[in-house]
Amino acid sequence: MDKSVALKKKYNSLLQREKKACLYLDNKNIKLEVIEKSYIPEYQKIIIELSEVGKQIKGATKDELSNGFKT
């Protein structure tokens, strides 16, 4: 598999996790203490990895970085 294709698939997977995490973190039924202790650190890891992988993909457009890549 081409390295750029592998990076795009990994990016898409991370982007999907990030979007699901955002929905979860916006849930008003979950106590703030629970979110702060266990979910914020994991969300930060996802965002950091998403950024690192995104930087490795040459020629990525803003739309692709926001919505994912068609692979």
C-alpha atoms as a PDB file:
ATOM      1  CA  MET A   1       0.000   0.000   0.000  1.00  0.00           C
ATOM      2  CA  ASP A   2       1.259   3.467  -0.901  1.00  0.00           C
ATOM      3  CA  LYS A   3       2.397   5.489   2.118  1.00  0.00           C
ATOM      4  CA  SER A   4       0.091   8.411   1.240  1.00  0.00           C
ATOM      5  CA  VAL A   5      -2.912   6.080   1.014  1.00  0.00           C
ATOM      6  CA  ALA A   6      -2.044   4.571   4.404  1.00  0.00           C
ATOM      7  CA  LEU A   7      -1.711   8.051   5.935  1.00  0.00           C
ATOM      8  CA  LYS A   8      -5.054   9.125   4.466  1.00  0.00           C
ATOM      9  CA  LYS A   9      -6.784   6.023   5.855  1.00  0.00           C
ATOM     10  CA  LYS A  10      -5.242   6.614   9.267  1.00  0.00           C
ATOM     11  CA  TYR A  11      -6.274  10.291   9.103  1.00  0.00           C
ATOM     12  CA  ASN A  12      -9.848   9.350   8.178  1.00  0.00           C
ATOM     13  CA  SER A  13     -10.003   6.918  11.094  1.00  0.00           C
ATOM     14  CA  LEU A  14      -8.695   9.529  13.543  1.00  0.00           C
ATOM     15  CA  LEU A  15     -11.059  12.160  12.133  1.00  0.00           C
ATOM     16  CA  GLN A  16     -13.998   9.815  12.688  1.00  0.00           C
ATOM     17  CA  ARG A  17     -12.887   9.235  16.302  1.00  0.00           C
ATOM     18  CA  GLU A  18     -12.508  12.993  16.820  1.00  0.00           C
ATOM     19  CA  LYS A  19     -16.012  13.698  15.518  1.00  0.00           C
ATOM     20  CA  LYS A  20     -17.514  10.967  17.724  1.00  0.00           C
ATOM     21  CA  ALA A  21     -15.597  12.332  20.712  1.00  0.00           C
ATOM     22  CA  CYS A  22     -16.961  15.823  20.046  1.00  0.00           C
ATOM     23  CA  LEU A  23     -20.508  14.503  20.057  1.00  0.00           C
ATOM     24  CA  TYR A  24     -19.844  12.655  23.302  1.00  0.00           C
ATOM     25  CA  LEU A  25     -18.235  15.664  24.962  1.00  0.00           C
ATOM     26  CA  ASP A  26     -21.209  17.828  23.983  1.00  0.00           C
ATOM     27  CA  ASN A  27     -23.593  15.457  25.791  1.00  0.00           C
ATOM     28  CA  LYS A  28     -25.203  17.485  28.579  1.00  0.00           C
ATOM     29  CA  ASN A  29     -26.140  14.336  30.522  1.00  0.00           C
ATOM     30  CA  ILE A  30     -22.541  13.514  31.397  1.00  0.00           C
ATOM     31  CA  LYS A  31     -21.042  15.110  34.481  1.00  0.00           C
ATOM     32  CA  LEU A  32     -18.222  17.557  33.854  1.00  0.00           C
ATOM     33  CA  GLU A  33     -15.980  15.824  36.403  1.00  0.00           C
ATOM     34  CA  VAL A  34     -16.204  12.565  34.468  1.00  0.00           C
ATOM     35  CA  ILE A  35     -15.358  14.275  31.203  1.00  0.00           C
ATOM     36  CA  GLU A  36     -12.408  16.171  32.653  1.00  0.00           C
ATOM     37  CA  LYS A  37     -10.830  13.145  34.315  1.00  0.00           C
ATOM     38  CA  SER A  38     -11.129  10.508  31.671  1.00  0.00           C
ATOM     39  CA  TYR A  39     -12.219  11.875  28.312  1.00  0.00           C
ATOM     40  CA  ILE A  40     -10.350  15.152  27.838  1.00  0.00           C
ATOM     41  CA  PRO A  41      -6.884  13.510  27.982  1.00  0.00           C
ATOM     42  CA  GLU A  42      -7.920  10.910  25.392  1.00  0.00           C
ATOM     43  CA  TYR A  43      -9.458  13.605  23.193  1.00  0.00           C
ATOM     44  CA  GLN A  44      -6.209  15.558  23.345  1.00  0.00           C
ATOM     45  CA  LYS A  45      -4.254  12.471  22.220  1.00  0.00           C
ATOM     46  CA  ILE A  46      -6.581  12.071  19.237  1.00  0.00           C
ATOM     47  CA  ILE A  47      -6.204  15.730  18.254  1.00  0.00           C
ATOM     48  CA  ILE A  48      -2.409  15.636  18.517  1.00  0.00           C
ATOM     49  CA  GLU A  49      -2.148  12.479  16.411  1.00  0.00           C
ATOM     50  CA  LEU A  50      -4.645  13.877  13.894  1.00  0.00           C
ATOM     51  CA  SER A  51      -2.507  16.990  13.521  1.00  0.00           C
ATOM     52  CA  GLU A  52       0.722  14.999  13.150  1.00  0.00           C
ATOM     53  CA  VAL A  53      -0.722  12.708  10.486  1.00  0.00           C
ATOM     54  CA  GLY A  54      -2.325  15.652   8.667  1.00  0.00           C
ATOM     55  CA  LYS A  55       1.028  17.410   8.415  1.00  0.00           C
ATOM     56  CA  GLN A  56       2.542  14.343   6.732  1.00  0.00           C
ATOM     57  CA  ILE A  57      -0.024  14.307   3.917  1.00  0.00           C
ATOM     58  CA  LYS A  58       1.354  16.403   1.078  1.00  0.00           C
ATOM     59  CA  GLY A  59      -1.078  18.612  -0.843  1.00  0.00           C
ATOM     60  CA  ALA A  60      -4.048  18.102   1.486  1.00  0.00           C
ATOM     61  CA  THR A  61      -6.805  20.675   1.055  1.00  0.00           C
ATOM     62  CA  LYS A  62      -8.703  22.328   3.899  1.00  0.00           C
ATOM     63  CA  ASP A  63     -11.813  20.432   2.831  1.00  0.00           C
ATOM     64  CA  GLU A  64      -9.978  17.093   2.993  1.00  0.00           C
ATOM     65  CA  LEU A  65      -8.549  17.924   6.414  1.00  0.00           C
ATOM     66  CA  SER A  66     -12.002  18.917   7.677  1.00  0.00           C
ATOM     67  CA  ASN A  67     -14.077  16.171   6.077  1.00  0.00           C
ATOM     68  CA  GLY A  68     -11.648  13.365   5.326  1.00  0.00           C
ATOM     69  CA  PHE A  69     -10.089  11.880   2.234  1.00  0.00           C
ATOM     70  CA  LYS A  70     -11.780   9.852  -0.477  1.00  0.00           C
ATOM     71  CA  THR A  71      -9.753   6.666  -0.672  1.00  0.00           C
END
